[in-house]
Structures are given as C-alpha cells and as structure tokens.
C-alpha cells in the first residue's frame, strides 16, 4: 500500500541560539508549531477538509440517538418485566382466592 505525500510536510527551520529567544519569541514559535501539529493531526485522520465540522456534528448526533435508543430499550425491558410480574401476582392471587378455576 503506497502512502500519499504529506500535504503539510514538516519544514526544518534553522534553530536560533536558545539564549536569543525572548519569552514572546518562544511563545510565537510554540504557537506556530502547535498550529502546524494540529493541522497535520487533523489531516492524518481525514478531518482537514471544510466538511470536518459537519462530520463531527453528525457523529455526535448519531451517538446521542444511539444513547437514547439504548435508554428506551432498557426502559421498555423494565416495563415488560414489571408488567409480567404484576400479571403473575394477580393470577396467583386469583387462583388462591378461587376466582380463576
């Protein structure tokens, strides 16, 4: 399997003398590096296009729907078990009181 060329290749920048970087210069350098790293990470997982925000929104919506369906299924199961128990209790009481047969 051939790998596609990196759309955001890492560019080697000559390193200045660490003692010559001021606090603001170091902060700017870190900011640029972090932004470049974030863009590269998003590109690696396929979220570097303009539709990424909508894709994430759709995934969150799908997860919310899945959670709701799971919750509803549990509620339905509990209602069925409870109803079956109450019906069995009523049938037992009816037999003991000779109302049923």
PDB file of N, CA and C in Angstrom:
ATOM      1  N   UNK A   1       0.847  -1.167   0.000  1.00  0.00           N
ATOM      2  CA  UNK A   1       0.000   0.000   0.000  1.00  0.00           C
ATOM      3  C   UNK A   1       0.897   1.235   0.000  1.00  0.00           C
ATOM      4  N   UNK A   2       0.684   2.093  -0.960  1.00  0.00           N
ATOM      5  CA  UNK A   2       1.506   3.292  -1.056  1.00  0.00           C
ATOM      6  C   UNK A   2       0.897   4.421  -0.265  1.00  0.00           C
ATOM      7  N   UNK A   3       1.754   5.150   0.369  1.00  0.00           N
ATOM      8  CA  UNK A   3       1.309   6.268   1.186  1.00  0.00           C
ATOM      9  C   UNK A   3       1.286   7.539   0.351  1.00  0.00           C
ATOM     10  N   UNK A   4       0.239   8.327   0.551  1.00  0.00           N
ATOM     11  CA  UNK A   4       0.127   9.588  -0.170  1.00  0.00           C
ATOM     12  C   UNK A   4       1.131  10.584   0.403  1.00  0.00           C
ATOM     13  N   UNK A   5       1.608  11.493  -0.429  1.00  0.00           N
ATOM     14  CA  UNK A   5       2.530  12.502   0.101  1.00  0.00           C
ATOM     15  C   UNK A   5       1.832  13.388   1.112  1.00  0.00           C
ATOM     16  N   UNK A   6       2.576  13.799   2.111  1.00  0.00           N
ATOM     17  CA  UNK A   6       2.046  14.634   3.189  1.00  0.00           C
ATOM     18  C   UNK A   6       1.722  16.020   2.648  1.00  0.00           C
ATOM     19  N   UNK A   7       0.443  16.482   2.784  1.00  0.00           N
ATOM     20  CA  UNK A   7       0.090  17.820   2.280  1.00  0.00           C
ATOM     21  C   UNK A   7       0.716  18.938   3.114  1.00  0.00           C
ATOM     22  N   UNK A   8       1.121  18.618   4.324  1.00  0.00           N
ATOM     23  CA  UNK A   8       1.736  19.599   5.216  1.00  0.00           C
ATOM     24  C   UNK A   8       3.080  19.055   5.694  1.00  0.00           C
ATOM     25  N   UNK A   9       4.075  19.027   4.827  1.00  0.00           N
ATOM     26  CA  UNK A   9       5.347  18.446   5.244  1.00  0.00           C
ATOM     27  C   UNK A   9       5.995  19.274   6.353  1.00  0.00           C
ATOM     28  N   UNK A  10       6.734  18.571   7.171  1.00  0.00           N
ATOM     29  CA  UNK A  10       7.443  19.245   8.252  1.00  0.00           C
ATOM     30  C   UNK A  10       8.655  19.937   7.643  1.00  0.00           C
ATOM     31  N   UNK A  11       8.736  21.212   7.864  1.00  0.00           N
ATOM     32  CA  UNK A  11       9.826  22.001   7.303  1.00  0.00           C
ATOM     33  C   UNK A  11      10.841  22.256   8.399  1.00  0.00           C
ATOM     34  N   UNK A  12      12.077  21.965   8.098  1.00  0.00           N
ATOM     35  CA  UNK A  12      13.136  22.196   9.070  1.00  0.00           C
ATOM     36  C   UNK A  12      13.499  23.677   9.072  1.00  0.00           C
ATOM     37  N   UNK A  13      13.426  24.265  10.230  1.00  0.00           N
ATOM     38  CA  UNK A  13      13.740  25.680  10.386  1.00  0.00           C
ATOM     39  C   UNK A  13      15.040  25.762  11.180  1.00  0.00           C
ATOM     40  N   UNK A  14      15.992  26.567  10.723  1.00  0.00           N
ATOM     41  CA  UNK A  14      17.231  26.682  11.492  1.00  0.00           C
ATOM     42  C   UNK A  14      16.931  27.187  12.901  1.00  0.00           C
ATOM     43  N   UNK A  15      17.519  26.525  13.863  1.00  0.00           N
ATOM     44  CA  UNK A  15      17.265  26.880  15.261  1.00  0.00           C
ATOM     45  C   UNK A  15      18.150  28.053  15.669  1.00  0.00           C
ATOM     46  N   UNK A  16      17.531  29.086  16.170  1.00  0.00           N
ATOM     47  CA  UNK A  16      18.329  30.193  16.677  1.00  0.00           C
ATOM     48  C   UNK A  16      18.967  29.788  18.004  1.00  0.00           C
ATOM     49  N   UNK A  17      19.888  30.564  18.414  1.00  0.00           N
ATOM     50  CA  UNK A  17      20.518  30.324  19.706  1.00  0.00           C
ATOM     51  C   UNK A  17      19.428  30.409  20.769  1.00  0.00           C
ATOM     52  N   UNK A  18      19.258  29.324  21.594  1.00  0.00           N
ATOM     53  CA  UNK A  18      18.172  29.341  22.580  1.00  0.00           C
ATOM     54  C   UNK A  18      18.227  30.540  23.504  1.00  0.00           C
ATOM     55  N   UNK A  19      19.398  31.061  23.749  1.00  0.00           N
ATOM     56  CA  UNK A  19      19.505  32.221  24.621  1.00  0.00           C
ATOM     57  C   UNK A  19      19.008  33.493  23.968  1.00  0.00           C
ATOM     58  N   UNK A  20      18.899  33.498  22.624  1.00  0.00           N
ATOM     59  CA  UNK A  20      18.475  34.720  21.939  1.00  0.00           C
ATOM     60  C   UNK A  20      16.965  34.830  21.816  1.00  0.00           C
ATOM     61  N   UNK A  21      16.236  33.767  22.161  1.00  0.00           N
ATOM     62  CA  UNK A  21      14.766  33.818  22.073  1.00  0.00           C
ATOM     63  C   UNK A  21      14.210  34.517  23.311  1.00  0.00           C
ATOM     64  N   UNK A  22      13.413  35.515  23.072  1.00  0.00           N
ATOM     65  CA  UNK A  22      12.745  36.178  24.193  1.00  0.00           C
ATOM     66  C   UNK A  22      11.512  35.357  24.562  1.00  0.00           C
ATOM     67  N   UNK A  23      10.863  35.707  25.630  1.00  0.00           N
ATOM     68  CA  UNK A  23       9.653  34.994  26.038  1.00  0.00           C
ATOM     69  C   UNK A  23       8.585  35.051  24.963  1.00  0.00           C
ATOM     70  N   UNK A  24       8.413  36.227  24.368  1.00  0.00           N
ATOM     71  CA  UNK A  24       7.393  36.390  23.323  1.00  0.00           C
ATOM     72  C   UNK A  24       7.792  35.626  22.062  1.00  0.00           C
ATOM     73  N   UNK A  25       9.083  35.640  21.736  1.00  0.00           N
ATOM     74  CA  UNK A  25       9.546  34.909  20.551  1.00  0.00           C
ATOM     75  C   UNK A  25       9.361  33.418  20.712  1.00  0.00           C
ATOM     76  N   UNK A  26       9.661  32.905  21.893  1.00  0.00           N
ATOM     77  CA  UNK A  26       9.473  31.483  22.170  1.00  0.00           C
ATOM     78  C   UNK A  26       7.993  31.131  22.136  1.00  0.00           C
ATOM     79  N   UNK A  27       7.157  31.997  22.678  1.00  0.00           N
ATOM     80  CA  UNK A  27       5.718  31.760  22.669  1.00  0.00           C
ATOM     81  C   UNK A  27       5.179  31.739  21.236  1.00  0.00           C
ATOM     82  N   UNK A  28       5.660  32.643  20.387  1.00  0.00           N
ATOM     83  CA  UNK A  28       5.245  32.663  18.984  1.00  0.00           C
ATOM     84  C   UNK A  28       5.679  31.388  18.277  1.00  0.00           C
ATOM     85  N   UNK A  29       6.911  30.953  18.536  1.00  0.00           N
ATOM     86  CA  UNK A  29       7.423  29.731  17.926  1.00  0.00           C
ATOM     87  C   UNK A  29       6.591  28.525  18.354  1.00  0.00           C
ATOM     88  N   UNK A  30       6.251  28.445  19.634  1.00  0.00           N
ATOM     89  CA  UNK A  30       5.419  27.345  20.130  1.00  0.00           C
ATOM     90  C   UNK A  30       4.023  27.387  19.530  1.00  0.00           C
ATOM     91  N   UNK A  31       3.484  28.585  19.365  1.00  0.00           N
ATOM     92  CA  UNK A  31       2.150  28.725  18.778  1.00  0.00           C
ATOM     93  C   UNK A  31       2.141  28.216  17.328  1.00  0.00           C
ATOM     94  N   UNK A  32       3.146  28.596  16.559  1.00  0.00           N
ATOM     95  CA  UNK A  32       3.241  28.150  15.160  1.00  0.00           C
ATOM     96  C   UNK A  32       3.405  26.642  15.107  1.00  0.00           C
ATOM     97  N   UNK A  33       4.243  26.090  15.970  1.00  0.00           N
ATOM     98  CA  UNK A  33       4.463  24.641  15.978  1.00  0.00           C
ATOM     99  C   UNK A  33       3.193  23.894  16.369  1.00  0.00           C
ATOM    100  N   UNK A  34       2.475  24.415  17.353  1.00  0.00           N
ATOM    101  CA  UNK A  34       1.238  23.758  17.783  1.00  0.00           C
ATOM    102  C   UNK A  34       0.184  23.790  16.682  1.00  0.00           C
ATOM    103  N   UNK A  35       0.056  24.920  16.014  1.00  0.00           N
ATOM    104  CA  UNK A  35      -0.921  25.031  14.924  1.00  0.00           C
ATOM    105  C   UNK A  35      -0.570  24.083  13.789  1.00  0.00           C
ATOM    106  N   UNK A  36       0.709  24.007  13.452  1.00  0.00           N
ATOM    107  CA  UNK A  36       1.146  23.104  12.384  1.00  0.00           C
ATOM    108  C   UNK A  36       0.899  21.646  12.783  1.00  0.00           C
ATOM    109  N   UNK A  37       1.178  21.316  14.021  1.00  0.00           N
ATOM    110  CA  UNK A  37       0.936  19.954  14.502  1.00  0.00           C
ATOM    111  C   UNK A  37      -0.535  19.600  14.499  1.00  0.00           C
ATOM    112  N   UNK A  38      -1.387  20.550  14.889  1.00  0.00           N
ATOM    113  CA  UNK A  38      -2.832  20.303  14.889  1.00  0.00           C
ATOM    114  C   UNK A  38      -3.348  20.074  13.470  1.00  0.00           C
ATOM    115  N   UNK A  39      -2.868  20.906  12.525  1.00  0.00           N
ATOM    116  CA  UNK A  39      -3.286  20.718  11.122  1.00  0.00           C
ATOM    117  C   UNK A  39      -2.838  19.355  10.607  1.00  0.00           C
ATOM    118  N   UNK A  40      -1.631  18.953  10.941  1.00  0.00           N
ATOM    119  CA  UNK A  40      -1.111  17.664  10.483  1.00  0.00           C
ATOM    120  C   UNK A  40      -1.903  16.515  11.104  1.00  0.00           C
ATOM    121  N   UNK A  41      -2.230  16.617  12.391  1.00  0.00           N
ATOM    122  CA  UNK A  41      -3.011  15.568  13.052  1.00  0.00           C
ATOM    123  C   UNK A  41      -4.395  15.437  12.427  1.00  0.00           C
ATOM    124  N   UNK A  42      -5.044  16.565  12.152  1.00  0.00           N
ATOM    125  CA  UNK A  42      -6.364  16.520  11.516  1.00  0.00           C
ATOM    126  C   UNK A  42      -6.282  15.925  10.121  1.00  0.00           C
ATOM    127  N   UNK A  43      -5.223  16.245   9.391  1.00  0.00           N
ATOM    128  CA  UNK A  43      -5.048  15.700   8.044  1.00  0.00           C
ATOM    129  C   UNK A  43      -4.846  14.188   8.094  1.00  0.00           C
ATOM    130  N   UNK A  44      -4.123  13.716   9.100  1.00  0.00           N
ATOM    131  CA  UNK A  44      -3.862  12.278   9.208  1.00  0.00           C
ATOM    132  C   UNK A  44      -5.131  11.470   9.464  1.00  0.00           C
ATOM    133  N   UNK A  45      -6.108  12.058  10.117  1.00  0.00           N
ATOM    134  CA  UNK A  45      -7.350  11.323  10.368  1.00  0.00           C
ATOM    135  C   UNK A  45      -8.468  11.722   9.408  1.00  0.00           C
ATOM    136  N   UNK A  46      -8.133  12.509   8.406  1.00  0.00           N
ATOM    137  CA  UNK A  46      -9.093  12.843   7.353  1.00  0.00           C
ATOM    138  C   UNK A  46     -10.056  13.966   7.692  1.00  0.00           C
ATOM    139  N   UNK A  47      -9.707  14.798   8.632  1.00  0.00           N
ATOM    140  CA  UNK A  47     -10.600  15.896   9.022  1.00  0.00           C
ATOM    141  C   UNK A  47     -10.032  17.251   8.641  1.00  0.00           C
ATOM    142  N   UNK A  48      -9.317  17.290   7.534  1.00  0.00           N
ATOM    143  CA  UNK A  48      -8.686  18.550   7.137  1.00  0.00           C
ATOM    144  C   UNK A  48      -9.467  19.299   6.069  1.00  0.00           C
ATOM    145  N   UNK A  49     -10.628  18.790   5.695  1.00  0.00           N
ATOM    146  CA  UNK A  49     -11.414  19.488   4.678  1.00  0.00           C
ATOM    147  C   UNK A  49     -12.469  20.371   5.338  1.00  0.00           C
ATOM    148  N   UNK A  50     -13.207  21.094   4.549  1.00  0.00           N
ATOM    149  CA  UNK A  50     -14.211  22.013   5.072  1.00  0.00           C
ATOM    150  C   UNK A  50     -15.427  21.330   5.661  1.00  0.00           C
ATOM    151  N   UNK A  51     -15.587  20.034   5.423  1.00  0.00           N
ATOM    152  CA  UNK A  51     -16.757  19.317   5.914  1.00  0.00           C
ATOM    153  C   UNK A  51     -16.521  18.668   7.273  1.00  0.00           C
ATOM    154  N   UNK A  52     -15.343  18.842   7.843  1.00  0.00           N
ATOM    155  CA  UNK A  52     -14.993  18.178   9.095  1.00  0.00           C
ATOM    156  C   UNK A  52     -15.938  18.571  10.225  1.00  0.00           C
ATOM    157  N   UNK A  53     -16.265  19.849  10.317  1.00  0.00           N
ATOM    158  CA  UNK A  53     -17.152  20.310  11.397  1.00  0.00           C
ATOM    159  C   UNK A  53     -18.516  19.630  11.293  1.00  0.00           C
ATOM    160  N   UNK A  54     -19.052  19.544  10.075  1.00  0.00           N
ATOM    161  CA  UNK A  54     -20.352  18.894   9.874  1.00  0.00           C
ATOM    162  C   UNK A  54     -20.248  17.391  10.165  1.00  0.00           C
ATOM    163  N   UNK A  55     -19.127  16.765   9.791  1.00  0.00           N
ATOM    164  CA  UNK A  55     -18.926  15.338  10.070  1.00  0.00           C
ATOM    165  C   UNK A  55     -18.958  15.076  11.570  1.00  0.00           C
ATOM    166  N   UNK A  56     -18.262  15.900  12.329  1.00  0.00           N
ATOM    167  CA  UNK A  56     -18.227  15.736  13.782  1.00  0.00           C
ATOM    168  C   UNK A  56     -19.617  15.967  14.367  1.00  0.00           C
ATOM    169  N   UNK A  57     -20.324  16.960  13.876  1.00  0.00           N
ATOM    170  CA  UNK A  57     -21.681  17.242  14.355  1.00  0.00           C
ATOM    171  C   UNK A  57     -22.601  16.046  14.091  1.00  0.00           C
ATOM    172  N   UNK A  58     -22.478  15.443  12.907  1.00  0.00           N
ATOM    173  CA  UNK A  58     -23.301  14.280  12.573  1.00  0.00           C
ATOM    174  C   UNK A  58     -22.955  13.087  13.455  1.00  0.00           C
ATOM    175  N   UNK A  59     -21.670  12.887  13.726  1.00  0.00           N
ATOM    176  CA  UNK A  59     -21.269  11.785  14.603  1.00  0.00           C
ATOM    177  C   UNK A  59     -21.812  11.979  16.013  1.00  0.00           C
ATOM    178  N   UNK A  60     -21.765  13.196  16.512  1.00  0.00           N
ATOM    179  CA  UNK A  60     -22.308  13.466  17.845  1.00  0.00           C
ATOM    180  C   UNK A  60     -23.811  13.223  17.880  1.00  0.00           C
ATOM    181  N   UNK A  61     -24.493  13.628  16.819  1.00  0.00           N
ATOM    182  CA  UNK A  61     -25.926  13.409  16.733  1.00  0.00           C
ATOM    183  C   UNK A  61     -26.249  11.917  16.700  1.00  0.00           C
ATOM    184  N   UNK A  62     -25.457  11.168  15.942  1.00  0.00           N
ATOM    185  CA  UNK A  62     -25.650   9.721  15.863  1.00  0.00           C
ATOM    186  C   UNK A  62     -25.424   9.063  17.220  1.00  0.00           C
ATOM    187  N   UNK A  63     -24.391   9.492  17.937  1.00  0.00           N
ATOM    188  CA  UNK A  63     -24.146   8.947  19.274  1.00  0.00           C
ATOM    189  C   UNK A  63     -25.275   9.289  20.244  1.00  0.00           C
ATOM    190  N   UNK A  64     -25.804  10.491  20.145  1.00  0.00           N
ATOM    191  CA  UNK A  64     -26.922  10.881  21.010  1.00  0.00           C
ATOM    192  C   UNK A  64     -28.149  10.015  20.714  1.00  0.00           C
ATOM    193  N   UNK A  65     -28.403   9.746  19.442  1.00  0.00           N
ATOM    194  CA  UNK A  65     -29.535   8.901  19.067  1.00  0.00           C
ATOM    195  C   UNK A  65     -29.331   7.474  19.566  1.00  0.00           C
ATOM    196  N   UNK A  66     -28.106   6.989  19.489  1.00  0.00           N
ATOM    197  CA  UNK A  66     -27.804   5.639  19.975  1.00  0.00           C
ATOM    198  C   UNK A  66     -28.011   5.544  21.484  1.00  0.00           C
ATOM    199  N   UNK A  67     -27.576   6.559  22.208  1.00  0.00           N
ATOM    200  CA  UNK A  67     -27.779   6.566  23.666  1.00  0.00           C
ATOM    201  C   UNK A  67     -29.261   6.596  24.013  1.00  0.00           C
ATOM    202  N   UNK A  68     -30.025   7.397  23.276  1.00  0.00           N
ATOM    203  CA  UNK A  68     -31.466   7.475  23.523  1.00  0.00           C
ATOM    204  C   UNK A  68     -32.142   6.133  23.224  1.00  0.00           C
ATOM    205  N   UNK A  69     -31.737   5.488  22.133  1.00  0.00           N
ATOM    206  CA  UNK A  69     -32.321   4.187  21.789  1.00  0.00           C
ATOM    207  C   UNK A  69     -31.996   3.144  22.854  1.00  0.00           C
ATOM    208  N   UNK A  70     -30.760   3.168  23.360  1.00  0.00           N
ATOM    209  CA  UNK A  70     -30.365   2.218  24.407  1.00  0.00           C
ATOM    210  C   UNK A  70     -31.170   2.470  25.682  1.00  0.00           C
ATOM    211  N   UNK A  71     -31.346   3.735  26.044  1.00  0.00           N
ATOM    212  CA  UNK A  71     -32.116   4.081  27.233  1.00  0.00           C
ATOM    213  C   UNK A  71     -33.570   3.634  27.083  1.00  0.00           C
ATOM    214  N   UNK A  72     -34.144   3.865  25.919  1.00  0.00           N
ATOM    215  CA  UNK A  72     -35.538   3.476  25.660  1.00  0.00           C
ATOM    216  C   UNK A  72     -35.686   1.958  25.705  1.00  0.00           C
ATOM    217  N   UNK A  73     -34.701   1.235  25.161  1.00  0.00           N
ATOM    218  CA  UNK A  73     -34.759  -0.224  25.190  1.00  0.00           C
ATOM    219  C   UNK A  73     -34.745  -0.743  26.628  1.00  0.00           C
ATOM    220  N   UNK A  74     -33.896  -0.169  27.467  1.00  0.00           N
ATOM    221  CA  UNK A  74     -33.855  -0.579  28.872  1.00  0.00           C
ATOM    222  C   UNK A  74     -35.176  -0.263  29.569  1.00  0.00           C
ATOM    223  N   UNK A  75     -35.726   0.909  29.327  1.00  0.00           N
ATOM    224  CA  UNK A  75     -37.000   1.273  29.952  1.00  0.00           C
ATOM    225  C   UNK A  75     -38.104   0.315  29.524  1.00  0.00           C
ATOM    226  N   UNK A  76     -38.120  -0.048  28.243  1.00  0.00           N
ATOM    227  CA  UNK A  76     -39.127  -0.969  27.739  1.00  0.00           C
ATOM    228  C   UNK A  76     -38.962  -2.347  28.379  1.00  0.00           C
ATOM    229  N   UNK A  77     -37.725  -2.811  28.503  1.00  0.00           N
ATOM    230  CA  UNK A  77     -37.477  -4.114  29.123  1.00  0.00           C
ATOM    231  C   UNK A  77     -37.947  -4.122  30.578  1.00  0.00           C
ATOM    232  N   UNK A  78     -37.664  -3.059  31.298  1.00  0.00           N
ATOM    233  CA  UNK A  78     -38.094  -2.975  32.701  1.00  0.00           C
ATOM    234  C   UNK A  78     -39.622  -2.964  32.784  1.00  0.00           C
ATOM    235  N   UNK A  79     -40.289  -2.245  31.896  1.00  0.00           N
ATOM    236  CA  UNK A  79     -41.755  -2.209  31.896  1.00  0.00           C
ATOM    237  C   UNK A  79     -42.342  -3.586  31.602  1.00  0.00           C
ATOM    238  N   UNK A  80     -41.741  -4.323  30.663  1.00  0.00           N
ATOM    239  CA  UNK A  80     -42.249  -5.661  30.317  1.00  0.00           C
ATOM    240  C   UNK A  80     -42.093  -6.606  31.501  1.00  0.00           C
ATOM    241  N   UNK A  81     -40.917  -6.586  32.136  1.00  0.00           N
ATOM    242  CA  UNK A  81     -40.680  -7.468  33.284  1.00  0.00           C
ATOM    243  C   UNK A  81     -41.617  -7.113  34.429  1.00  0.00           C
ATOM    244  N   UNK A  82     -41.798  -5.823  34.687  1.00  0.00           N
ATOM    245  CA  UNK A  82     -42.683  -5.388  35.770  1.00  0.00           C
ATOM    246  C   UNK A  82     -44.130  -5.799  35.485  1.00  0.00           C
ATOM    247  N   UNK A  83     -44.575  -5.598  34.264  1.00  0.00           N
ATOM    248  CA  UNK A  83     -45.945  -5.977  33.897  1.00  0.00           C
ATOM    249  C   UNK A  83     -46.148  -7.482  34.022  1.00  0.00           C
ATOM    250  N   UNK A  84     -45.163  -8.263  33.573  1.00  0.00           N
ATOM    251  CA  UNK A  84     -45.266  -9.722  33.678  1.00  0.00           C
ATOM    252  C   UNK A  84     -45.333 -10.146  35.147  1.00  0.00           C
ATOM    253  N   UNK A  85     -44.544  -9.517  35.998  1.00  0.00           N
ATOM    254  CA  UNK A  85     -44.562  -9.844  37.430  1.00  0.00           C
ATOM    255  C   UNK A  85     -45.916  -9.519  38.049  1.00  0.00           C
ATOM    256  N   UNK A  86     -46.458  -8.351  37.741  1.00  0.00           N
ATOM    257  CA  UNK A  86     -47.755  -7.954  38.294  1.00  0.00           C
ATOM    258  C   UNK A  86     -48.853  -8.890  37.788  1.00  0.00           C
ATOM    259  N   UNK A  87     -48.823  -9.272  36.527  1.00  0.00           N
ATOM    260  CA  UNK A  87     -49.828 -10.196  35.990  1.00  0.00           C
ATOM    261  C   UNK A  87     -49.716 -11.567  36.656  1.00  0.00           C
ATOM    262  N   UNK A  88     -48.486 -12.038  36.862  1.00  0.00           N
ATOM    263  CA  UNK A  88     -48.293 -13.325  37.537  1.00  0.00           C
ATOM    264  C   UNK A  88     -48.792 -13.252  38.972  1.00  0.00           C
ATOM    265  N   UNK A  89     -48.548 -12.134  39.645  1.00  0.00           N
ATOM    266  CA  UNK A  89     -49.025 -11.942  41.015  1.00  0.00           C
ATOM    267  C   UNK A  89     -50.554 -11.931  41.063  1.00  0.00           C
ATOM    268  N   UNK A  90     -51.179 -11.254  40.104  1.00  0.00           N
ATOM    269  CA  UNK A  90     -52.651 -11.219  40.051  1.00  0.00           C
ATOM    270  C   UNK A  90     -53.224 -12.602  39.751  1.00  0.00           C
ATOM    271  N   UNK A  91     -52.581 -13.345  38.864  1.00  0.00           N
ATOM    272  CA  UNK A  91     -53.047 -14.705  38.547  1.00  0.00           C
ATOM    273  C   UNK A  91     -52.915 -15.596  39.778  1.00  0.00           C
ATOM    274  N   UNK A  92     -51.795 -15.486  40.479  1.00  0.00           N
ATOM    275  CA  UNK A  92     -51.606 -16.279  41.706  1.00  0.00           C
ATOM    276  C   UNK A  92     -52.669 -15.923  42.739  1.00  0.00           C
ATOM    277  N   UNK A  93     -52.928 -14.623  42.903  1.00  0.00           N
ATOM    278  CA  UNK A  93     -53.937 -14.189  43.870  1.00  0.00           C
ATOM    279  C   UNK A  93     -55.321 -14.686  43.442  1.00  0.00           C
ATOM    280  N   UNK A  94     -55.609 -14.673  42.155  1.00  0.00           N
ATOM    281  CA  UNK A  94     -56.896 -15.154  41.656  1.00  0.00           C
ATOM    282  C   UNK A  94     -57.077 -16.639  41.903  1.00  0.00           C
ATOM    283  N   UNK A  95     -55.996 -17.408  41.742  1.00  0.00           N
ATOM    284  CA  UNK A  95     -56.087 -18.852  41.996  1.00  0.00           C
ATOM    285  C   UNK A  95     -56.273 -19.114  43.483  1.00  0.00           C
ATOM    286  N   UNK A  96     -55.536 -18.404  44.317  1.00  0.00           N
ATOM    287  CA  UNK A  96     -55.654 -18.608  45.774  1.00  0.00           C
ATOM    288  C   UNK A  96     -57.040 -18.211  46.280  1.00  0.00           C
ATOM    289  N   UNK A  97     -57.620 -17.203  45.680  1.00  0.00           N
ATOM    290  CA  UNK A  97     -58.963 -16.768  46.103  1.00  0.00           C
ATOM    291  C   UNK A  97     -60.052 -17.499  45.331  1.00  0.00           C
ATOM    292  N   UNK A  98     -59.653 -18.460  44.519  1.00  0.00           N
ATOM    293  CA  UNK A  98     -60.559 -19.297  43.726  1.00  0.00           C
ATOM    294  C   UNK A  98     -61.430 -18.461  42.779  1.00  0.00           C
ATOM    295  N   UNK A  99     -60.857 -17.378  42.269  1.00  0.00           N
ATOM    296  CA  UNK A  99     -61.560 -16.581  41.267  1.00  0.00           C
ATOM    297  C   UNK A  99     -61.304 -17.133  39.885  1.00  0.00           C
ATOM    298  N   UNK A 100     -60.150 -17.786  39.733  1.00  0.00           N
ATOM    299  CA  UNK A 100     -59.794 -18.353  38.428  1.00  0.00           C
ATOM    300  C   UNK A 100     -59.741 -19.872  38.574  1.00  0.00           C
ATOM    301  N   UNK A 101     -60.749 -20.555  38.140  1.00  0.00           N
ATOM    302  CA  UNK A 101     -60.752 -22.002  38.086  1.00  0.00           C
ATOM    303  C   UNK A 101     -60.854 -22.598  39.391  1.00  0.00           C
TER     304      UNK A 101
END
